[in-house]
Amino acid sequence: MARKKMIITHEYPYHIVARSNNKEWFYLPINDCWEIFSFLLIKINLKFKFQIHSFILMNNHYHLIGTASEHFPLPQVMEWFQRSANRIINDKAKRVNHLFGGPYRATLINGEAQFYQVTKYLYRNPISAKLTSKVEDYPYTTIVPTNIPLSSPSTGIAAFLPKNYDQLLIYLNESYTCQEKEILDAAIKKSIFKVSSRISNELKDKLIFCM
């Protein structure tokens, strides 16, 4: 099946995911990869005015939620980001293979409730992988303090997440039902993130309850 054409906009954020070649672990220890990706995220924030809302690095892929600027569309930002990661990690690992197994996948997030859901989906990746039982215990993520510049919580869709850190953790650590997880897994693979209104409202209500 042909890949759906990406929607190019600077008005809404994207969920972005890219996997390593053959789904192997990245060629360096994850601590080293985290430093490289952190450095590159800082660079795209400065070079392309790219707003970073959240990021998580797993052993063989990453998830990023961010908003492109008016003058630097997402494909331009991601081409530089992926190419730079490929070059730096391959140089350090002394390899010549492609770092990524294919193009990144970008899903547009065009609503408040959708932003809630995708943010939770991103930060719960280590829990789904059975690496930790709490989102804050996984170190390679922006839910813990990092030098990665996150966008202001007072602007855009990101403003609707809880301002209080403890309240945010309550929401993120509340588990999905199996049905919710399956629906989110499918929605995150589309060009626009969309779930049923019932599921959307149920997940949004959980956040409002936490606030």
N, C-alpha and C. Protein backbone atom coordinates (compact mmCIF):
# COMPACT_ATOMS: atom_id res chain seq x y z
N MET A 1 0.84 -1.20 0.00
CA MET A 1 0.00 0.00 0.00
C MET A 1 0.88 1.25 0.00
N ALA A 2 0.56 2.21 -0.83
CA ALA A 2 1.36 3.43 -0.93
C ALA A 2 1.24 4.25 0.36
N ARG A 3 2.36 4.88 0.72
CA ARG A 3 2.37 5.74 1.89
C ARG A 3 1.56 7.01 1.61
N LYS A 4 0.69 7.39 2.56
CA LYS A 4 -0.10 8.59 2.37
C LYS A 4 0.78 9.83 2.41
N LYS A 5 0.40 10.82 1.57
CA LYS A 5 1.18 12.04 1.49
C LYS A 5 1.11 12.81 2.80
N MET A 6 2.27 13.30 3.24
CA MET A 6 2.33 14.05 4.48
C MET A 6 1.64 15.41 4.33
N ILE A 7 0.95 15.82 5.36
CA ILE A 7 0.33 17.14 5.41
C ILE A 7 1.36 18.12 5.96
N ILE A 8 1.68 19.14 5.21
CA ILE A 8 2.70 20.10 5.61
C ILE A 8 2.04 21.33 6.23
N THR A 9 2.37 21.62 7.48
CA THR A 9 1.80 22.77 8.17
C THR A 9 2.72 23.19 9.31
N HIS A 10 2.59 24.44 9.70
CA HIS A 10 3.30 24.91 10.89
C HIS A 10 2.31 25.27 12.00
N GLU A 11 1.03 25.00 11.77
CA GLU A 11 0.00 25.39 12.73
C GLU A 11 -0.25 24.34 13.80
N TYR A 12 0.12 23.11 13.53
CA TYR A 12 -0.12 22.02 14.49
C TYR A 12 1.14 21.17 14.63
N PRO A 13 1.26 20.48 15.76
CA PRO A 13 2.42 19.62 15.95
C PRO A 13 2.26 18.27 15.25
N TYR A 14 3.36 17.57 15.16
CA TYR A 14 3.40 16.22 14.61
C TYR A 14 3.93 15.25 15.67
N HIS A 15 3.46 14.02 15.59
CA HIS A 15 4.15 12.91 16.24
C HIS A 15 5.04 12.28 15.18
N ILE A 16 6.32 12.13 15.50
CA ILE A 16 7.30 11.62 14.55
C ILE A 16 7.98 10.39 15.16
N VAL A 17 8.10 9.34 14.38
CA VAL A 17 8.80 8.14 14.84
C VAL A 17 9.72 7.65 13.73
N ALA A 18 10.90 7.18 14.11
CA ALA A 18 11.84 6.58 13.15
C ALA A 18 12.52 5.41 13.83
N ARG A 19 12.70 4.33 13.08
CA ARG A 19 13.29 3.10 13.63
C ARG A 19 14.65 2.84 13.00
N SER A 20 15.49 2.14 13.74
CA SER A 20 16.81 1.79 13.25
C SER A 20 16.72 0.75 12.14
N ASN A 21 17.79 0.60 11.41
CA ASN A 21 17.86 -0.35 10.31
C ASN A 21 17.66 -1.78 10.82
N ASN A 22 16.73 -2.50 10.20
CA ASN A 22 16.39 -3.87 10.59
C ASN A 22 15.89 -3.98 12.03
N LYS A 23 15.47 -2.86 12.60
CA LYS A 23 14.98 -2.81 13.98
C LYS A 23 16.01 -3.31 14.98
N GLU A 24 17.29 -3.22 14.61
CA GLU A 24 18.36 -3.57 15.55
C GLU A 24 18.55 -2.43 16.54
N TRP A 25 19.30 -2.68 17.59
CA TRP A 25 19.63 -1.60 18.50
C TRP A 25 20.50 -0.60 17.76
N PHE A 26 20.40 0.67 18.13
CA PHE A 26 21.32 1.65 17.58
C PHE A 26 22.75 1.18 17.87
N TYR A 27 23.69 1.58 17.03
CA TYR A 27 25.01 0.98 17.03
C TYR A 27 25.90 1.39 18.21
N LEU A 28 25.44 2.30 19.03
CA LEU A 28 26.19 2.76 20.19
C LEU A 28 25.40 2.49 21.46
N PRO A 29 26.04 2.51 22.62
CA PRO A 29 25.28 2.43 23.88
C PRO A 29 24.23 3.54 23.93
N ILE A 30 23.11 3.25 24.55
CA ILE A 30 22.01 4.22 24.54
C ILE A 30 22.39 5.53 25.22
N ASN A 31 23.29 5.49 26.20
CA ASN A 31 23.74 6.74 26.82
C ASN A 31 24.39 7.66 25.78
N ASP A 32 25.22 7.07 24.93
CA ASP A 32 25.88 7.86 23.89
C ASP A 32 24.87 8.37 22.87
N CYS A 33 23.93 7.51 22.50
CA CYS A 33 22.91 7.93 21.53
C CYS A 33 22.05 9.05 22.10
N TRP A 34 21.75 8.97 23.38
CA TRP A 34 20.94 10.02 24.01
C TRP A 34 21.66 11.37 23.92
N GLU A 35 22.96 11.38 24.16
CA GLU A 35 23.71 12.63 24.08
C GLU A 35 23.70 13.18 22.66
N ILE A 36 23.81 12.30 21.67
CA ILE A 36 23.81 12.73 20.27
C ILE A 36 22.44 13.29 19.87
N PHE A 37 21.39 12.56 20.18
CA PHE A 37 20.05 13.03 19.83
C PHE A 37 19.71 14.32 20.58
N SER A 38 20.12 14.42 21.82
CA SER A 38 19.87 15.65 22.58
C SER A 38 20.55 16.84 21.92
N PHE A 39 21.79 16.64 21.53
CA PHE A 39 22.55 17.69 20.84
C PHE A 39 21.84 18.12 19.55
N LEU A 40 21.36 17.14 18.78
CA LEU A 40 20.71 17.45 17.51
C LEU A 40 19.35 18.12 17.71
N LEU A 41 18.64 17.76 18.77
CA LEU A 41 17.37 18.43 19.06
C LEU A 41 17.60 19.89 19.42
N ILE A 42 18.65 20.16 20.17
CA ILE A 42 19.00 21.54 20.49
C ILE A 42 19.31 22.31 19.20
N LYS A 43 20.02 21.63 18.30
CA LYS A 43 20.40 22.28 17.04
C LYS A 43 19.18 22.61 16.17
N ILE A 44 18.22 21.68 16.04
CA ILE A 44 17.06 21.99 15.18
C ILE A 44 16.16 23.04 15.81
N ASN A 45 16.19 23.14 17.14
CA ASN A 45 15.45 24.21 17.79
C ASN A 45 16.06 25.58 17.43
N LEU A 46 17.38 25.65 17.41
CA LEU A 46 18.06 26.90 17.12
C LEU A 46 18.12 27.18 15.62
N LYS A 47 18.44 26.16 14.84
CA LYS A 47 18.68 26.34 13.40
C LYS A 47 17.39 26.52 12.61
N PHE A 48 16.34 25.76 13.01
CA PHE A 48 15.10 25.75 12.25
C PHE A 48 13.89 26.28 13.03
N LYS A 49 14.14 26.78 14.25
CA LYS A 49 13.03 27.27 15.09
C LYS A 49 11.98 26.18 15.32
N PHE A 50 12.42 24.96 15.42
CA PHE A 50 11.52 23.81 15.60
C PHE A 50 11.17 23.69 17.07
N GLN A 51 9.86 23.70 17.38
CA GLN A 51 9.42 23.58 18.76
C GLN A 51 9.36 22.11 19.16
N ILE A 52 10.00 21.77 20.26
CA ILE A 52 10.03 20.40 20.77
C ILE A 52 9.08 20.32 21.95
N HIS A 53 8.09 19.47 21.84
CA HIS A 53 7.13 19.29 22.93
C HIS A 53 7.51 18.11 23.81
N SER A 54 7.99 17.02 23.21
CA SER A 54 8.42 15.86 23.99
C SER A 54 9.25 14.94 23.11
N PHE A 55 10.10 14.16 23.75
CA PHE A 55 10.99 13.25 23.03
C PHE A 55 11.31 12.07 23.92
N ILE A 56 11.42 10.90 23.30
CA ILE A 56 11.85 9.71 24.03
C ILE A 56 12.69 8.86 23.10
N LEU A 57 13.78 8.33 23.63
CA LEU A 57 14.68 7.46 22.88
C LEU A 57 14.59 6.05 23.43
N MET A 58 14.27 5.12 22.54
CA MET A 58 14.26 3.71 22.89
C MET A 58 15.49 3.05 22.26
N ASN A 59 15.67 1.75 22.47
CA ASN A 59 16.88 1.09 21.98
C ASN A 59 16.99 1.08 20.47
N ASN A 60 15.87 1.02 19.76
CA ASN A 60 15.95 0.95 18.31
C ASN A 60 15.01 1.92 17.59
N HIS A 61 14.49 2.89 18.29
CA HIS A 61 13.66 3.91 17.66
C HIS A 61 13.50 5.10 18.59
N TYR A 62 12.95 6.17 18.05
CA TYR A 62 12.63 7.32 18.89
C TYR A 62 11.24 7.83 18.54
N HIS A 63 10.66 8.56 19.49
CA HIS A 63 9.39 9.26 19.27
C HIS A 63 9.62 10.73 19.60
N LEU A 64 9.08 11.59 18.77
CA LEU A 64 9.24 13.03 18.93
C LEU A 64 7.90 13.70 18.65
N ILE A 65 7.51 14.64 19.50
CA ILE A 65 6.37 15.50 19.21
C ILE A 65 6.91 16.92 19.06
N GLY A 66 6.68 17.53 17.92
CA GLY A 66 7.21 18.86 17.69
C GLY A 66 6.42 19.61 16.63
N THR A 67 6.64 20.92 16.59
CA THR A 67 5.96 21.80 15.65
C THR A 67 6.98 22.54 14.81
N ALA A 68 6.82 22.46 13.49
CA ALA A 68 7.72 23.16 12.57
C ALA A 68 7.39 24.65 12.54
N SER A 69 8.37 25.44 12.12
CA SER A 69 8.14 26.88 11.99
C SER A 69 7.62 27.20 10.58
N GLU A 70 7.18 28.41 10.42
CA GLU A 70 6.60 28.83 9.15
C GLU A 70 7.61 28.76 8.01
N HIS A 71 8.87 29.04 8.29
CA HIS A 71 9.88 29.17 7.24
C HIS A 71 10.67 27.88 7.01
N PHE A 72 10.54 26.90 7.90
CA PHE A 72 11.29 25.65 7.76
C PHE A 72 10.32 24.48 7.91
N PRO A 73 9.78 23.96 6.81
CA PRO A 73 8.80 22.87 6.88
C PRO A 73 9.41 21.60 7.45
N LEU A 74 8.56 20.75 7.96
CA LEU A 74 9.02 19.53 8.63
C LEU A 74 9.98 18.70 7.78
N PRO A 75 9.71 18.43 6.48
CA PRO A 75 10.66 17.61 5.72
C PRO A 75 12.08 18.16 5.72
N GLN A 76 12.22 19.48 5.66
CA GLN A 76 13.55 20.09 5.68
C GLN A 76 14.22 19.86 7.03
N VAL A 77 13.48 20.02 8.10
CA VAL A 77 14.02 19.81 9.44
C VAL A 77 14.44 18.36 9.63
N MET A 78 13.56 17.45 9.26
CA MET A 78 13.82 16.03 9.52
C MET A 78 14.91 15.48 8.61
N GLU A 79 15.04 16.01 7.39
CA GLU A 79 16.13 15.57 6.52
C GLU A 79 17.47 15.88 7.18
N TRP A 80 17.58 17.08 7.72
CA TRP A 80 18.83 17.47 8.38
C TRP A 80 19.04 16.65 9.66
N PHE A 81 17.99 16.47 10.44
CA PHE A 81 18.07 15.76 11.71
C PHE A 81 18.49 14.30 11.50
N GLN A 82 17.82 13.60 10.59
CA GLN A 82 18.10 12.18 10.36
C GLN A 82 19.49 12.00 9.73
N ARG A 83 19.81 12.85 8.76
CA ARG A 83 21.12 12.75 8.12
C ARG A 83 22.24 12.99 9.12
N SER A 84 22.05 13.96 10.00
CA SER A 84 23.08 14.27 11.00
C SER A 84 23.24 13.13 11.99
N ALA A 85 22.11 12.56 12.45
CA ALA A 85 22.18 11.43 13.37
C ALA A 85 22.88 10.25 12.71
N ASN A 86 22.56 9.99 11.46
CA ASN A 86 23.18 8.89 10.71
C ASN A 86 24.70 9.08 10.63
N ARG A 87 25.11 10.28 10.30
CA ARG A 87 26.54 10.55 10.15
C ARG A 87 27.29 10.44 11.47
N ILE A 88 26.76 11.07 12.52
CA ILE A 88 27.48 11.10 13.79
C ILE A 88 27.56 9.72 14.42
N ILE A 89 26.45 9.01 14.46
CA ILE A 89 26.45 7.69 15.09
C ILE A 89 27.29 6.71 14.29
N ASN A 90 27.20 6.75 12.96
CA ASN A 90 28.03 5.85 12.15
C ASN A 90 29.52 6.16 12.31
N ASP A 91 29.86 7.44 12.38
CA ASP A 91 31.26 7.81 12.58
C ASP A 91 31.79 7.27 13.91
N LYS A 92 31.02 7.43 14.95
CA LYS A 92 31.46 6.99 16.28
C LYS A 92 31.49 5.46 16.38
N ALA A 93 30.54 4.81 15.70
CA ALA A 93 30.47 3.35 15.75
C ALA A 93 31.35 2.69 14.68
N LYS A 94 31.94 3.52 13.81
CA LYS A 94 32.79 3.03 12.72
C LYS A 94 32.03 2.06 11.83
N ARG A 95 30.84 2.50 11.40
CA ARG A 95 30.00 1.72 10.51
C ARG A 95 29.63 2.56 9.29
N VAL A 96 29.16 1.89 8.24
CA VAL A 96 28.79 2.61 7.02
C VAL A 96 27.34 2.34 6.63
N ASN A 97 26.64 1.48 7.35
CA ASN A 97 25.26 1.15 7.01
C ASN A 97 24.33 2.32 7.33
N HIS A 98 23.14 2.28 6.73
CA HIS A 98 22.12 3.27 7.08
C HIS A 98 21.73 3.06 8.53
N LEU A 99 21.62 4.17 9.26
CA LEU A 99 21.20 4.08 10.67
C LEU A 99 19.72 3.75 10.78
N PHE A 100 18.91 4.38 9.92
CA PHE A 100 17.46 4.21 9.98
C PHE A 100 17.00 3.23 8.91
N GLY A 101 15.97 2.47 9.26
CA GLY A 101 15.48 1.43 8.37
C GLY A 101 14.56 1.92 7.28
N GLY A 102 14.28 3.20 7.23
CA GLY A 102 13.39 3.76 6.23
C GLY A 102 13.03 5.18 6.61
N PRO A 103 12.10 5.79 5.88
CA PRO A 103 11.70 7.16 6.20
C PRO A 103 11.05 7.25 7.58
N TYR A 104 11.17 8.40 8.20
CA TYR A 104 10.44 8.65 9.43
C TYR A 104 8.94 8.70 9.10
N ARG A 105 8.11 8.50 10.08
CA ARG A 105 6.66 8.61 9.90
C ARG A 105 6.15 9.77 10.75
N ALA A 106 5.41 10.67 10.13
CA ALA A 106 4.87 11.85 10.82
C ALA A 106 3.36 11.82 10.81
N THR A 107 2.77 12.00 11.97
CA THR A 107 1.32 12.03 12.12
C THR A 107 0.90 13.39 12.67
N LEU A 108 0.02 14.06 11.98
CA LEU A 108 -0.42 15.39 12.40
C LEU A 108 -1.34 15.28 13.61
N ILE A 109 -1.13 16.18 14.58
CA ILE A 109 -1.97 16.24 15.78
C ILE A 109 -2.72 17.57 15.73
N ASN A 110 -4.01 17.52 15.42
CA ASN A 110 -4.71 18.78 15.15
C ASN A 110 -5.81 19.08 16.17
N GLY A 111 -5.67 18.59 17.39
CA GLY A 111 -6.66 18.88 18.41
C GLY A 111 -6.12 18.72 19.81
N GLU A 112 -6.77 19.37 20.75
CA GLU A 112 -6.35 19.35 22.15
C GLU A 112 -6.36 17.93 22.73
N ALA A 113 -7.48 17.23 22.57
CA ALA A 113 -7.58 15.89 23.12
C ALA A 113 -6.57 14.95 22.48
N GLN A 114 -6.35 15.12 21.17
CA GLN A 114 -5.38 14.29 20.48
C GLN A 114 -3.97 14.50 21.04
N PHE A 115 -3.67 15.76 21.38
CA PHE A 115 -2.35 16.04 21.94
C PHE A 115 -2.18 15.33 23.29
N TYR A 116 -3.25 15.31 24.11
CA TYR A 116 -3.21 14.57 25.37
C TYR A 116 -2.81 13.12 25.11
N GLN A 117 -3.50 12.52 24.14
CA GLN A 117 -3.36 11.08 23.91
C GLN A 117 -1.99 10.72 23.36
N VAL A 118 -1.51 11.53 22.40
CA VAL A 118 -0.21 11.22 21.80
C VAL A 118 0.91 11.43 22.81
N THR A 119 0.81 12.45 23.63
CA THR A 119 1.82 12.68 24.66
C THR A 119 1.90 11.50 25.61
N LYS A 120 0.75 11.00 26.03
CA LYS A 120 0.73 9.85 26.93
C LYS A 120 1.29 8.62 26.22
N TYR A 121 0.92 8.45 24.97
CA TYR A 121 1.42 7.31 24.19
C TYR A 121 2.94 7.34 24.11
N LEU A 122 3.51 8.51 23.86
CA LEU A 122 4.97 8.64 23.76
C LEU A 122 5.64 8.27 25.06
N TYR A 123 5.21 8.89 26.16
CA TYR A 123 5.92 8.69 27.42
C TYR A 123 5.71 7.31 28.02
N ARG A 124 4.67 6.59 27.60
CA ARG A 124 4.43 5.25 28.14
C ARG A 124 5.13 4.16 27.33
N ASN A 125 5.93 4.53 26.34
CA ASN A 125 6.64 3.52 25.57
C ASN A 125 7.50 2.58 26.42
N PRO A 126 8.26 3.08 27.38
CA PRO A 126 9.07 2.16 28.20
C PRO A 126 8.22 1.23 29.06
N ILE A 127 7.03 1.69 29.45
CA ILE A 127 6.12 0.82 30.22
C ILE A 127 5.58 -0.28 29.31
N SER A 128 5.20 0.08 28.09
CA SER A 128 4.72 -0.93 27.14
C SER A 128 5.80 -1.95 26.83
N ALA A 129 7.06 -1.50 26.81
CA ALA A 129 8.19 -2.39 26.54
C ALA A 129 8.67 -3.13 27.79
N LYS A 130 7.98 -2.90 28.91
CA LYS A 130 8.30 -3.55 30.18
C LYS A 130 9.72 -3.21 30.67
N LEU A 131 10.13 -1.97 30.41
CA LEU A 131 11.43 -1.50 30.88
C LEU A 131 11.32 -0.78 32.21
N THR A 132 10.12 -0.32 32.55
CA THR A 132 9.90 0.39 33.79
C THR A 132 8.41 0.34 34.12
N SER A 133 8.07 0.68 35.34
CA SER A 133 6.66 0.71 35.72
C SER A 133 6.12 2.13 35.85
N LYS A 134 7.02 3.13 35.79
CA LYS A 134 6.62 4.53 35.88
C LYS A 134 7.37 5.33 34.83
N VAL A 135 6.68 6.26 34.20
CA VAL A 135 7.30 7.02 33.12
C VAL A 135 8.52 7.81 33.60
N GLU A 136 8.47 8.31 34.83
CA GLU A 136 9.56 9.15 35.33
C GLU A 136 10.81 8.36 35.68
N ASP A 137 10.73 7.03 35.70
CA ASP A 137 11.90 6.21 36.03
C ASP A 137 12.73 5.86 34.80
N TYR A 138 12.24 6.20 33.62
CA TYR A 138 13.01 5.93 32.40
C TYR A 138 13.84 7.18 32.10
N PRO A 139 15.16 7.06 31.95
CA PRO A 139 16.01 8.26 31.90
C PRO A 139 16.10 8.95 30.55
N TYR A 140 15.76 8.27 29.44
CA TYR A 140 16.02 8.83 28.12
C TYR A 140 14.75 9.46 27.54
N THR A 141 14.29 10.48 28.23
CA THR A 141 13.01 11.08 27.91
C THR A 141 12.96 12.50 28.48
N THR A 142 12.14 13.33 27.87
CA THR A 142 12.03 14.71 28.33
C THR A 142 11.03 14.87 29.48
N ILE A 143 10.48 13.77 29.98
CA ILE A 143 9.63 13.90 31.16
C ILE A 143 10.48 14.14 32.41
N VAL A 144 11.77 13.85 32.32
CA VAL A 144 12.72 14.16 33.38
C VAL A 144 13.55 15.36 32.93
N PRO A 145 14.18 16.08 33.85
CA PRO A 145 14.95 17.27 33.46
C PRO A 145 16.07 16.94 32.47
N THR A 146 16.13 17.69 31.38
CA THR A 146 17.18 17.54 30.38
C THR A 146 17.58 18.93 29.89
N ASN A 147 18.59 18.96 29.04
CA ASN A 147 18.98 20.24 28.43
C ASN A 147 18.29 20.46 27.10
N ILE A 148 17.36 19.57 26.72
CA ILE A 148 16.60 19.74 25.49
C ILE A 148 15.58 20.85 25.70
N PRO A 149 15.55 21.87 24.84
CA PRO A 149 14.65 23.01 25.05
C PRO A 149 13.21 22.69 24.64
N LEU A 150 12.35 22.47 25.61
CA LEU A 150 10.95 22.21 25.32
C LEU A 150 10.21 23.52 25.08
N SER A 151 9.19 23.46 24.23
CA SER A 151 8.42 24.66 23.92
C SER A 151 7.68 25.15 25.16
N SER A 152 7.36 26.42 25.17
CA SER A 152 6.68 27.01 26.30
C SER A 152 5.33 26.34 26.55
N PRO A 153 5.04 25.97 27.79
CA PRO A 153 3.74 25.35 28.08
C PRO A 153 2.58 26.33 28.03
N SER A 154 2.85 27.59 27.77
CA SER A 154 1.78 28.59 27.74
C SER A 154 1.31 28.90 26.32
N THR A 155 1.87 28.19 25.34
CA THR A 155 1.49 28.48 23.96
C THR A 155 1.05 27.21 23.24
N GLY A 156 0.13 27.37 22.31
CA GLY A 156 -0.26 26.27 21.44
C GLY A 156 -1.02 25.17 22.15
N ILE A 157 -1.14 24.04 21.47
CA ILE A 157 -1.86 22.89 22.00
C ILE A 157 -1.23 22.38 23.29
N ALA A 158 0.09 22.54 23.42
CA ALA A 158 0.78 22.05 24.61
C ALA A 158 0.29 22.72 25.88
N ALA A 159 -0.34 23.87 25.75
CA ALA A 159 -0.80 24.61 26.93
C ALA A 159 -1.86 23.85 27.71
N PHE A 160 -2.51 22.86 27.10
CA PHE A 160 -3.63 22.19 27.75
C PHE A 160 -3.21 21.03 28.64
N LEU A 161 -1.92 20.67 28.63
CA LEU A 161 -1.46 19.64 29.56
C LEU A 161 -1.36 20.25 30.96
N PRO A 162 -1.43 19.42 32.01
CA PRO A 162 -1.35 19.97 33.37
C PRO A 162 -0.06 20.74 33.58
N LYS A 163 -0.16 21.89 34.22
CA LYS A 163 1.03 22.68 34.51
C LYS A 163 1.82 22.08 35.66
N ASN A 164 1.11 21.39 36.56
CA ASN A 164 1.75 20.80 37.73
C ASN A 164 2.37 19.45 37.35
N TYR A 165 3.65 19.29 37.65
CA TYR A 165 4.38 18.09 37.24
C TYR A 165 3.80 16.83 37.87
N ASP A 166 3.44 16.89 39.13
CA ASP A 166 2.87 15.71 39.80
C ASP A 166 1.53 15.31 39.18
N GLN A 167 0.73 16.30 38.80
CA GLN A 167 -0.55 15.99 38.15
C GLN A 167 -0.33 15.35 36.78
N LEU A 168 0.68 15.86 36.07
CA LEU A 168 1.00 15.28 34.76
C LEU A 168 1.43 13.83 34.91
N LEU A 169 2.23 13.52 35.92
CA LEU A 169 2.68 12.14 36.12
C LEU A 169 1.52 11.21 36.46
N ILE A 170 0.55 11.72 37.21
CA ILE A 170 -0.62 10.89 37.52
C ILE A 170 -1.32 10.49 36.23
N TYR A 171 -1.50 11.44 35.34
CA TYR A 171 -2.16 11.16 34.06
C TYR A 171 -1.34 10.18 33.21
N LEU A 172 -0.04 10.42 33.12
CA LEU A 172 0.79 9.59 32.26
C LEU A 172 0.93 8.17 32.78
N ASN A 173 0.92 8.01 34.08
CA ASN A 173 1.12 6.68 34.67
C ASN A 173 -0.17 5.86 34.79
N GLU A 174 -1.30 6.49 34.51
CA GLU A 174 -2.55 5.74 34.53
C GLU A 174 -2.62 4.86 33.28
N SER A 175 -2.78 3.56 33.48
CA SER A 175 -2.67 2.61 32.37
C SER A 175 -3.86 2.70 31.41
N TYR A 176 -3.62 2.23 30.18
CA TYR A 176 -4.68 2.09 29.20
C TYR A 176 -5.43 0.78 29.42
N THR A 177 -6.62 0.71 28.89
CA THR A 177 -7.24 -0.59 28.68
C THR A 177 -6.61 -1.19 27.41
N CYS A 178 -6.73 -2.49 27.23
CA CYS A 178 -6.19 -3.13 26.03
C CYS A 178 -6.79 -2.53 24.77
N GLN A 179 -8.09 -2.23 24.81
CA GLN A 179 -8.75 -1.66 23.65
C GLN A 179 -8.20 -0.27 23.33
N GLU A 180 -8.01 0.55 24.35
CA GLU A 180 -7.47 1.88 24.14
C GLU A 180 -6.08 1.81 23.50
N LYS A 181 -5.25 0.90 24.00
CA LYS A 181 -3.88 0.76 23.48
C LYS A 181 -3.91 0.35 22.00
N GLU A 182 -4.76 -0.58 21.64
CA GLU A 182 -4.86 -1.02 20.25
C GLU A 182 -5.32 0.13 19.34
N ILE A 183 -6.26 0.91 19.81
CA ILE A 183 -6.78 2.03 19.02
C ILE A 183 -5.69 3.08 18.82
N LEU A 184 -4.93 3.37 19.87
CA LEU A 184 -3.86 4.36 19.77
C LEU A 184 -2.74 3.85 18.87
N ASP A 185 -2.41 2.56 18.96
CA ASP A 185 -1.38 1.99 18.08
C ASP A 185 -1.74 2.20 16.61
N ALA A 186 -3.02 2.03 16.29
CA ALA A 186 -3.47 2.20 14.90
C ALA A 186 -3.49 3.68 14.51
N ALA A 187 -3.95 4.55 15.41
CA ALA A 187 -4.09 5.97 15.10
C ALA A 187 -2.74 6.63 14.86
N ILE A 188 -1.71 6.15 15.55
CA ILE A 188 -0.39 6.78 15.46
C ILE A 188 0.28 6.48 14.12
N LYS A 189 -0.29 5.57 13.34
CA LYS A 189 0.29 5.20 12.05
C LYS A 189 -0.36 5.93 10.88
N LYS A 190 -1.34 6.78 11.16
CA LYS A 190 -2.05 7.49 10.11
C LYS A 190 -1.44 8.86 9.87
N SER A 191 -1.82 9.49 8.76
CA SER A 191 -1.28 10.81 8.46
C SER A 191 -1.85 11.87 9.39
N ILE A 192 -3.08 11.67 9.89
CA ILE A 192 -3.68 12.53 10.91
C ILE A 192 -4.12 11.65 12.06
N PHE A 193 -3.72 12.00 13.28
CA PHE A 193 -4.09 11.21 14.43
C PHE A 193 -5.58 11.39 14.73
N LYS A 194 -6.30 10.28 14.74
CA LYS A 194 -7.73 10.36 14.98
C LYS A 194 -8.21 9.07 15.63
N VAL A 195 -8.99 9.21 16.71
CA VAL A 195 -9.64 8.07 17.34
C VAL A 195 -11.12 8.40 17.45
N SER A 196 -11.90 7.41 17.85
CA SER A 196 -13.33 7.64 17.96
C SER A 196 -13.61 8.70 19.02
N SER A 197 -14.72 9.40 18.86
CA SER A 197 -15.07 10.45 19.82
C SER A 197 -15.24 9.89 21.22
N ARG A 198 -15.73 8.66 21.33
CA ARG A 198 -15.92 8.06 22.66
C ARG A 198 -14.58 7.84 23.35
N ILE A 199 -13.64 7.21 22.65
CA ILE A 199 -12.32 6.98 23.22
C ILE A 199 -11.63 8.31 23.52
N SER A 200 -11.77 9.27 22.59
CA SER A 200 -11.16 10.57 22.77
C SER A 200 -11.66 11.24 24.05
N ASN A 201 -12.96 11.24 24.25
CA ASN A 201 -13.54 11.89 25.42
C ASN A 201 -13.19 11.16 26.71
N GLU A 202 -13.14 9.83 26.65
CA GLU A 202 -12.79 9.06 27.84
C GLU A 202 -11.36 9.38 28.29
N LEU A 203 -10.43 9.42 27.34
CA LEU A 203 -9.05 9.71 27.69
C LEU A 203 -8.90 11.16 28.15
N LYS A 204 -9.63 12.07 27.53
CA LYS A 204 -9.57 13.46 27.95
C LYS A 204 -10.15 13.63 29.35
N ASP A 205 -11.23 12.91 29.66
CA ASP A 205 -11.83 12.99 30.98
C ASP A 205 -10.85 12.53 32.07
N LYS A 206 -10.03 11.53 31.74
CA LYS A 206 -9.04 11.07 32.72
C LYS A 206 -8.06 12.18 33.05
N LEU A 207 -7.66 12.96 32.03
CA LEU A 207 -6.75 14.07 32.27
C LEU A 207 -7.40 15.15 33.09
N ILE A 208 -8.64 15.50 32.73
CA ILE A 208 -9.34 16.55 33.47
C ILE A 208 -9.51 16.17 34.92
N PHE A 209 -9.78 14.87 35.17
CA PHE A 209 -9.91 14.39 36.54
C PHE A 209 -8.62 14.60 37.32
N CYS A 210 -7.47 14.35 36.64
CA CYS A 210 -6.18 14.52 37.29
C CYS A 210 -5.89 15.98 37.61
N MET A 211 -6.43 16.89 36.83
CA MET A 211 -6.17 18.31 37.03
C MET A 211 -6.95 18.85 38.24
